[in-house]
Amino acid sequence: MHQIVIVAGSSRVDSQTAKVAGFIGNRLIRAHDLEADAVSIIDLGRSPLPLWPADESGPWEEYEARLSRADAVIILAPEWHGMACPAIKNFFLYASKAQLAHKPAMLGGISAGVGGAFPISELRASSYKNCRLCYIPEHLIVRDVNHVMNGEEPESAADERLRQRLDYNLDVLLHYTRALAGIRPLIDMSNPAFANGMS
């Protein structure tokens, strides 16, 4: 049984990003046949990581264990001022190849308005280098987040379309999850000469 971890990358408590994470978790269980205990959410708003580097690592030990067991990851990043918010960038300063290398991940950008694309391009460019996370080609942009993914039934045609796109993306992610599961054991990650990705 594959384990999926969803990272809600907002530092706000009860954020719309956390709402979307919960919705995605429910879709994985109800529409994609995962068991409830196969899906977990890391909510950086409710249990934040200290600003790296820090003397204390907060909940990182727990997060590290969950990410190490995961077969795939979903990264959700709210767009603040045209950027990925600080909490998700801080998360990637903690994460390493020990937890994430050669695991598939889907990116999601979250916006209360019509934005949401900038965190996608930012995280595709800068977050994978040392941790070796493998972003799938499909991503999700959740615009007008306050009015979508709020209940069982869609509120609008845009909400319905977004839900259809989500299910398509999750299906792709799960195919990558199955495919990459056999690749990770074949890759030597112990060579200190290649501890970091090339710049």
Foldseek 3Di string as FASTA:
>chain_A
DAAEEEEQQDQAPPDLSVLVLVLLLVCCVPVVPDDNVRYYYHYCNVFNFPQPPDPDGGCVVVVQVSLQRHLEYEYEFEADPLEGDPRVVSVLVSAALNRAALHEYEYEFEELAPDRCSHVVVCVPPRCWGNNHHYDPDYAYHYNSVQESPDDDHPDPVNVVRVVSSVVVVVVNVVSSVVSVVVVVVDDQPDPVPNTGDD
